[in-house]
Every structure is written in structure tokens, then in C-alpha cells.
Amino acid sequence: MKKTILTLLGLYLTVFTFGQTNTTKLIEISKIYKDFMFRNEPTKQVFKDIKANVPKNLKVGIDFIIQTITTKNQLLTRKFLSRPDDQTLKQIFIINAINLNLNEENRADNNKLIDSLMNANIPMYELVDNYYGMLFTAVGNKNQPFDFSKINFQLKDYKLKDDTEKGIFFLRCMDYCGKTVWGYMNVANPPNTTKAFDNIKKYPTFNGSTYYQYTDFYFMDFEMNIEQGKGKQSYKGYYLNKYYETLLTHLICLNKENGSEKEMKDLLLGSILKERKLYKYTNYKDILEELFKEEK
């Protein structure tokens, strides 16, 4: 009972504190994020404006937004890879929601949007997903050329609270990594496995091991809005499916680019390619079952 009361009190204080922030500043930051989240680089005046009159309880969130709009960022340092506190996660979620709203012709009033989201009980995993989605999107937009080959993501160091949050971090990171080879495999005709394999070789390690050896995906699935206009979707159904595509692309590249039999076997048996219990989350179920078909 006491724990429940403290939890509710914490939620109330989060909403109350957020309600005291400067709404005008929040909208200003969101507009700047919209204008500079892709390739445009902010001027010195933009940085001066964004840092001016920042409410104390918005400082951490705005520091993150500053990193996402510049090429000279520290997004891949422990400071920003680490999970922010719950209040900051919600602030960043609202900034992104305003950004999306600003791209709509029939947009909602931003003040009303802030008020509704401020008082909404947004699931924590959705807030965590939004944060790492924005982080790795910014890395993709600002940190070129792609090269994670010297990066080892130590998930235990990032204040992630459970296997679900670690899974979100991993899947969001690998979703970005997968996008770096997608064009070579799906746009180029014929597929350019040489270029794709070059990027696969630049994938990061996780907890000191090759990326595909991360297999902790047996957390409970949950639903959230992922693709616009499709309503709530299975999180694992969406992101594990994309990750399976990345693994299969890796396998194809090994086959086409003269990878060794050992490399292919390590990928097949050391990754979730063999995890039949997870096949329900992917459209590649038939292909995977064929790969591991038992000899009769």
C-alpha cells in the first residue's frame, strides 16, 4: 500500500513539475529540432537562442536536443547513451510529438497538445523507445560516414532498468544499422552485397561480443504506435522482424562475398536465427524453418 502511494505521489510530482515549465520555450525547442534534425546545421545564433532562458527542469532534455541537431555531438558517449530520468524522457517525448505535429497541415494546437501529453499516462517503454529512436536517428543523420566498428555498447552501464529496456536499446540501434545496408540490398539492381558487407563489418559489439550474439529477447511483448496510421502494433513483431532481416542479409552477404563456412555457421547457431520460439514475430518464418529443416 505504501509503495503504491509513493508511486502515485511520484507520478503526480512529475506531472506537476513538468506543468511549471515554460511552454513557449518547449515549443521553440521543438521547432528548432524540426528544422535541424536532418542535414541542416544550426548557426551560432540558433545555439545562443536554444540555450537562453532554459527552465532548470528542462535543461537535461534540451542538452539532448542540442546534441541531436549538430554534427559535433556526443551522442555515443555514456552520458547520452544512458537512460535519462522519467521526467526527462517524457519531456523529450513531448518535444518529438510537437515536432511531428508541426509537420501536419491540420495540426493540433501545440499548447493543447502539451497539456494533454503532460497529463497522459504514457507507458514507460514507449518513452524509452522514443528516446533511443531519436538518438540513433540523430546519429544516422549527423554522424557520417557510418562506422560503429570500434564501439562496444556495454548495456549494463546505461542505467537501463530491465531486459525490455535493454532490448529496446539494442533493437533501435540495430534498426539504424540495418538501414545502412538496406539500400544496397533492396534498391541496387542487382543487390550490391560488397557494399552491404562493408557496412556489416562496421557493426558494433554489445557487451564485448559480436552484435548477433545478443539474444535476450524473451521479455514480454507490448504494443504501441509505431508506423503512422496503423494503430498499435506489436513491438517485437515490428522490430524483431526488421532485425531478422538484418541477420538474413548478413548471411546472404557471407554467402556471396566468400565468407567462410565457420562464419556462416557461427551466425546461424550463435544468433536468434535458430530461435524457433521467436519466429512468430517475423515474416521470415518459412525461410528460417527451411534453413534449419531437420533431415528426415
Protein backbone atom coordinates (compact mmCIF):
# COMPACT_ATOMS: atom_id res chain seq x y z
CA MET A 1 0.00 0.00 0.00
CA LYS A 2 2.77 2.39 1.00
CA LYS A 3 4.67 1.60 -2.22
CA THR A 4 1.55 2.29 -4.30
CA ILE A 5 1.02 5.66 -2.61
CA LEU A 6 4.65 6.63 -3.17
CA THR A 7 4.41 5.63 -6.84
CA LEU A 8 1.28 7.73 -7.34
CA LEU A 9 2.88 10.63 -5.49
CA GLY A 10 5.95 10.39 -7.73
CA LEU A 11 3.75 10.43 -10.82
CA TYR A 12 1.85 13.46 -9.50
CA LEU A 13 5.06 15.35 -8.75
CA THR A 14 6.40 14.57 -12.25
CA VAL A 15 3.25 15.96 -13.86
CA PHE A 16 3.17 18.93 -11.52
CA THR A 17 6.82 19.81 -12.07
CA PHE A 18 6.51 19.48 -15.81
CA GLY A 19 3.46 21.72 -15.70
CA GLN A 20 5.62 24.56 -14.39
CA THR A 21 7.94 24.58 -17.39
CA ASN A 22 7.98 27.34 -19.92
CA THR A 23 5.59 26.12 -22.62
CA THR A 24 6.81 28.77 -25.03
CA LYS A 25 10.38 27.50 -24.63
CA LEU A 26 9.26 23.93 -25.20
CA ILE A 27 7.59 24.86 -28.49
CA GLU A 28 10.63 26.91 -29.52
CA ILE A 29 12.94 23.94 -28.92
CA SER A 30 10.64 21.64 -30.88
CA LYS A 31 10.68 23.99 -33.88
CA ILE A 32 14.47 24.14 -33.80
CA TYR A 33 14.61 20.34 -33.60
CA LYS A 34 12.30 20.09 -36.64
CA ASP A 35 14.45 22.49 -38.66
CA PHE A 36 17.84 20.96 -37.87
CA MET A 37 17.28 17.27 -37.11
CA PHE A 38 18.35 16.20 -40.61
CA ARG A 39 21.29 17.65 -42.56
CA ASN A 40 20.92 21.36 -41.79
CA GLU A 41 23.49 22.64 -39.30
CA PRO A 42 22.40 25.30 -36.78
CA THR A 43 24.07 28.71 -36.77
CA LYS A 44 25.75 30.17 -33.71
CA GLN A 45 22.66 32.33 -33.19
CA VAL A 46 20.43 29.24 -33.08
CA PHE A 47 22.62 27.72 -30.37
CA LYS A 48 22.53 31.02 -28.49
CA ASP A 49 18.74 31.10 -28.69
CA ILE A 50 18.26 27.49 -27.65
CA LYS A 51 20.45 27.94 -24.57
CA ALA A 52 18.77 31.17 -23.46
CA ASN A 53 16.30 31.22 -20.57
CA VAL A 54 16.15 27.46 -20.14
CA PRO A 55 13.98 26.39 -17.17
CA LYS A 56 16.05 24.31 -14.77
CA ASN A 57 13.80 21.27 -15.11
CA LEU A 58 14.17 21.32 -18.91
CA LYS A 59 17.95 21.57 -19.01
CA VAL A 60 18.77 17.87 -19.40
CA GLY A 61 16.21 17.40 -22.16
CA ILE A 62 17.38 20.47 -24.06
CA ASP A 63 21.02 19.37 -23.73
CA PHE A 64 19.99 16.16 -25.50
CA ILE A 65 18.16 18.05 -28.27
CA ILE A 66 21.26 20.20 -28.82
CA GLN A 67 23.26 17.03 -29.40
CA THR A 68 20.74 15.71 -31.95
CA ILE A 69 20.95 18.76 -34.21
CA THR A 70 24.72 19.09 -34.60
CA THR A 71 27.44 17.06 -36.26
CA LYS A 72 29.77 17.89 -33.37
CA ASN A 73 27.81 15.79 -30.92
CA GLN A 74 28.48 13.44 -28.03
CA LEU A 75 25.52 11.14 -28.59
CA LEU A 76 27.64 7.99 -28.49
CA THR A 77 29.19 8.80 -25.12
CA ARG A 78 27.96 7.19 -21.92
CA LYS A 79 26.33 10.47 -20.86
CA PHE A 80 23.76 10.36 -23.65
CA LEU A 81 23.61 6.61 -24.16
CA SER A 82 22.47 6.34 -20.55
CA ARG A 83 18.74 6.27 -19.87
CA PRO A 84 17.52 9.67 -18.62
CA ASP A 85 15.20 10.02 -15.64
CA ASP A 86 11.47 9.51 -16.20
CA GLN A 87 10.63 13.21 -16.25
CA THR A 88 13.24 13.97 -18.91
CA LEU A 89 12.06 11.03 -21.00
CA LYS A 90 8.57 12.50 -21.01
CA GLN A 91 9.81 15.97 -21.90
CA ILE A 92 11.75 14.60 -24.87
CA PHE A 93 8.71 12.58 -25.93
CA ILE A 94 6.62 15.77 -25.93
CA ILE A 95 9.27 17.66 -27.92
CA ASN A 96 9.17 14.95 -30.58
CA ALA A 97 5.35 14.95 -30.55
CA ILE A 98 5.34 18.70 -31.20
CA ASN A 99 7.90 18.19 -33.97
CA LEU A 100 5.60 15.65 -35.63
CA ASN A 101 2.61 17.92 -35.14
CA LEU A 102 4.45 20.80 -36.83
CA ASN A 103 4.73 18.65 -39.95
CA GLU A 104 0.95 18.23 -40.23
CA GLU A 105 -1.27 20.53 -42.29
CA ASN A 106 -4.21 20.01 -39.94
CA ARG A 107 -2.12 20.34 -36.83
CA ALA A 108 -3.34 20.43 -33.27
CA ASP A 109 -2.79 23.49 -31.11
CA ASN A 110 0.66 22.97 -29.59
CA ASN A 111 -0.35 24.34 -26.21
CA LYS A 112 -3.25 21.91 -26.01
CA LEU A 113 -1.03 19.08 -27.22
CA ILE A 114 1.50 19.79 -24.47
CA ASP A 115 -1.25 19.93 -21.86
CA SER A 116 -2.79 16.63 -22.97
CA LEU A 117 0.55 14.79 -23.12
CA MET A 118 1.73 16.28 -19.87
CA ASN A 119 -1.25 14.73 -18.11
CA ALA A 120 -1.28 11.48 -20.08
CA ASN A 121 -0.04 8.24 -18.57
CA ILE A 122 2.36 7.29 -21.37
CA PRO A 123 3.83 3.78 -20.92
CA MET A 124 7.45 3.92 -19.82
CA TYR A 125 8.69 1.57 -22.54
CA GLU A 126 7.21 3.90 -25.13
CA LEU A 127 9.15 6.80 -23.61
CA VAL A 128 12.37 4.77 -23.60
CA ASP A 129 11.79 3.72 -27.21
CA ASN A 130 11.23 7.33 -28.24
CA TYR A 131 14.50 8.42 -26.62
CA TYR A 132 16.68 5.81 -28.28
CA GLY A 133 14.79 6.18 -31.54
CA MET A 134 15.63 9.89 -31.57
CA LEU A 135 19.22 9.22 -30.51
CA PHE A 136 20.02 6.71 -33.25
CA THR A 137 18.10 8.72 -35.84
CA ALA A 138 20.30 11.69 -34.98
CA VAL A 139 23.44 9.56 -35.21
CA GLY A 140 22.32 8.44 -38.67
CA ASN A 141 21.62 12.00 -39.78
CA LYS A 142 24.64 13.71 -38.27
CA ASN A 143 27.47 11.20 -37.79
CA GLN A 144 28.71 10.33 -41.26
CA PRO A 145 30.14 8.13 -42.64
CA PHE A 146 28.73 5.13 -40.80
CA ASP A 147 31.29 3.25 -38.70
CA PHE A 148 30.47 1.56 -35.39
CA SER A 149 33.34 -0.91 -35.70
CA LYS A 150 35.19 0.48 -32.68
CA ILE A 151 32.10 0.85 -30.50
CA ASN A 152 31.25 -1.63 -27.76
CA PHE A 153 27.87 -0.92 -26.19
CA GLN A 154 28.02 -2.05 -22.56
CA LEU A 155 24.32 -2.17 -21.75
CA LYS A 156 24.88 -2.55 -18.00
CA ASP A 157 26.44 0.92 -17.95
CA TYR A 158 23.44 2.81 -19.34
CA LYS A 159 21.01 2.77 -16.39
CA LEU A 160 18.58 0.56 -18.30
CA LYS A 161 16.14 -0.91 -15.80
CA ASP A 162 15.37 -4.36 -17.20
CA ASP A 163 15.74 -6.71 -20.16
CA THR A 164 12.94 -4.91 -22.00
CA GLU A 165 14.74 -1.58 -21.89
CA LYS A 166 17.99 -3.27 -22.92
CA GLY A 167 16.12 -4.93 -25.78
CA ILE A 168 14.71 -1.58 -26.87
CA PHE A 169 18.20 -0.07 -26.90
CA PHE A 170 19.57 -2.99 -28.93
CA LEU A 171 16.71 -3.14 -31.43
CA ARG A 172 16.72 0.61 -32.02
CA CYS A 173 20.47 0.57 -32.57
CA MET A 174 20.31 -2.39 -34.94
CA ASP A 175 17.33 -0.89 -36.77
CA TYR A 176 19.63 2.01 -37.65
CA CYS A 177 22.48 -0.34 -38.55
CA GLY A 178 20.15 -2.35 -40.78
CA LYS A 179 19.18 0.81 -42.66
CA THR A 180 22.81 1.34 -43.65
CA VAL A 181 22.68 -1.79 -45.83
CA TRP A 182 19.02 -1.77 -46.88
CA GLY A 183 19.56 0.37 -49.97
CA TYR A 184 22.42 -1.78 -51.23
CA MET A 185 20.22 -4.88 -50.96
CA ASN A 186 16.80 -3.52 -51.97
CA VAL A 187 17.40 -0.54 -54.27
CA ALA A 188 20.54 -1.51 -56.16
CA ASN A 189 19.85 -3.89 -59.05
CA PRO A 190 21.42 -6.37 -58.72
CA PRO A 191 21.92 -6.16 -54.93
CA ASN A 192 25.35 -4.80 -54.05
CA THR A 193 26.45 -7.34 -51.46
CA THR A 194 30.01 -6.00 -51.49
CA LYS A 195 28.95 -2.56 -50.24
CA ALA A 196 26.42 -4.07 -47.85
CA PHE A 197 29.03 -6.40 -46.38
CA ASP A 198 31.45 -3.49 -45.96
CA ASN A 199 28.91 -1.84 -43.66
CA ILE A 200 28.06 -5.05 -41.83
CA LYS A 201 31.74 -5.29 -40.94
CA LYS A 202 31.33 -1.89 -39.26
CA TYR A 203 28.53 -3.03 -36.94
CA PRO A 204 29.16 -2.56 -33.20
CA THR A 205 29.70 -5.12 -30.50
CA PHE A 206 27.42 -5.44 -27.47
CA ASN A 207 28.73 -6.36 -24.05
CA GLY A 208 32.04 -7.27 -25.67
CA SER A 209 30.53 -9.76 -28.15
CA THR A 210 29.66 -9.74 -31.84
CA TYR A 211 26.32 -7.98 -32.31
CA TYR A 212 24.39 -11.10 -33.34
CA GLN A 213 25.30 -12.93 -30.14
CA TYR A 214 22.86 -10.73 -28.23
CA THR A 215 19.78 -12.94 -27.77
CA ASP A 216 17.88 -11.56 -24.75
CA PHE A 217 14.54 -11.08 -26.47
CA TYR A 218 12.29 -13.15 -24.24
CA PHE A 219 10.82 -10.13 -22.46
CA MET A 220 7.05 -9.65 -22.61
CA ASP A 221 5.86 -8.13 -25.85
CA PHE A 222 3.91 -4.87 -25.74
CA GLU A 223 2.00 -2.73 -28.20
CA MET A 224 2.49 0.90 -29.17
CA ASN A 225 2.03 3.22 -32.12
CA ILE A 226 5.00 2.61 -34.42
CA GLU A 227 4.02 3.32 -38.03
CA GLN A 228 1.78 6.30 -38.62
CA GLY A 229 -1.82 5.39 -39.35
CA LYS A 230 -1.51 1.72 -38.38
CA GLY A 231 -2.63 2.00 -34.78
CA LYS A 232 -0.98 -0.03 -32.05
CA GLN A 233 1.43 -2.69 -33.25
CA SER A 234 3.41 -5.46 -31.59
CA TYR A 235 6.80 -4.05 -30.64
CA LYS A 236 8.60 -7.35 -31.08
CA GLY A 237 6.60 -8.10 -34.21
CA TYR A 238 7.88 -4.90 -35.79
CA TYR A 239 11.47 -4.60 -34.58
CA LEU A 240 12.40 -8.27 -34.31
CA ASN A 241 11.15 -8.74 -37.86
CA LYS A 242 13.49 -5.97 -39.00
CA TYR A 243 16.32 -7.49 -37.01
CA TYR A 244 15.75 -10.91 -38.57
CA GLU A 245 16.00 -9.18 -41.95
CA THR A 246 19.37 -7.75 -40.91
CA LEU A 247 20.63 -11.18 -39.83
CA LEU A 248 19.48 -12.79 -43.08
CA THR A 249 21.15 -10.01 -45.06
CA HIS A 250 24.36 -10.75 -43.17
CA LEU A 251 24.00 -14.43 -44.08
CA ILE A 252 23.41 -13.62 -47.77
CA CYS A 253 26.47 -11.37 -47.82
CA LEU A 254 28.65 -14.07 -46.27
CA ASN A 255 27.48 -16.46 -48.96
CA LYS A 256 28.00 -14.03 -51.84
CA GLU A 257 31.25 -12.49 -50.58
CA ASN A 258 33.07 -15.76 -49.93
CA GLY A 259 32.57 -15.88 -46.20
CA SER A 260 33.94 -19.00 -44.56
CA GLU A 261 31.77 -21.94 -43.56
CA LYS A 262 32.71 -21.22 -39.95
CA GLU A 263 31.48 -17.61 -40.22
CA MET A 264 28.15 -18.76 -41.62
CA LYS A 265 27.75 -21.47 -39.01
CA ASP A 266 28.63 -19.04 -36.21
CA LEU A 267 25.95 -16.64 -37.45
CA LEU A 268 23.34 -19.37 -37.85
CA LEU A 269 23.93 -21.01 -34.49
CA GLY A 270 25.08 -18.03 -32.44
CA SER A 271 22.16 -15.72 -33.17
CA ILE A 272 18.37 -15.77 -32.89
CA LEU A 273 18.20 -17.19 -36.41
CA LYS A 274 17.86 -20.57 -34.68
CA GLU A 275 15.38 -19.41 -32.00
CA ARG A 276 12.13 -21.04 -33.17
CA LYS A 277 10.14 -19.57 -30.29
CA LEU A 278 10.73 -16.12 -31.75
CA TYR A 279 9.68 -16.97 -35.31
CA LYS A 280 6.12 -15.84 -34.57
CA TYR A 281 7.47 -12.28 -34.57
CA THR A 282 8.83 -12.34 -38.11
CA ASN A 283 7.58 -12.57 -41.68
CA TYR A 284 10.61 -14.73 -42.47
CA LYS A 285 9.36 -17.75 -40.54
CA ASP A 286 9.19 -20.03 -43.60
CA ILE A 287 12.72 -19.11 -44.70
CA LEU A 288 14.09 -19.68 -41.21
CA GLU A 289 12.39 -23.04 -40.87
CA GLU A 290 13.81 -24.07 -44.23
CA LEU A 291 17.30 -23.10 -43.09
CA PHE A 292 17.02 -25.32 -40.04
CA LYS A 293 14.89 -28.07 -41.51
CA GLU A 294 15.74 -31.34 -39.86
CA GLU A 295 16.83 -34.10 -42.14
CA LYS A 296 14.27 -36.85 -42.26
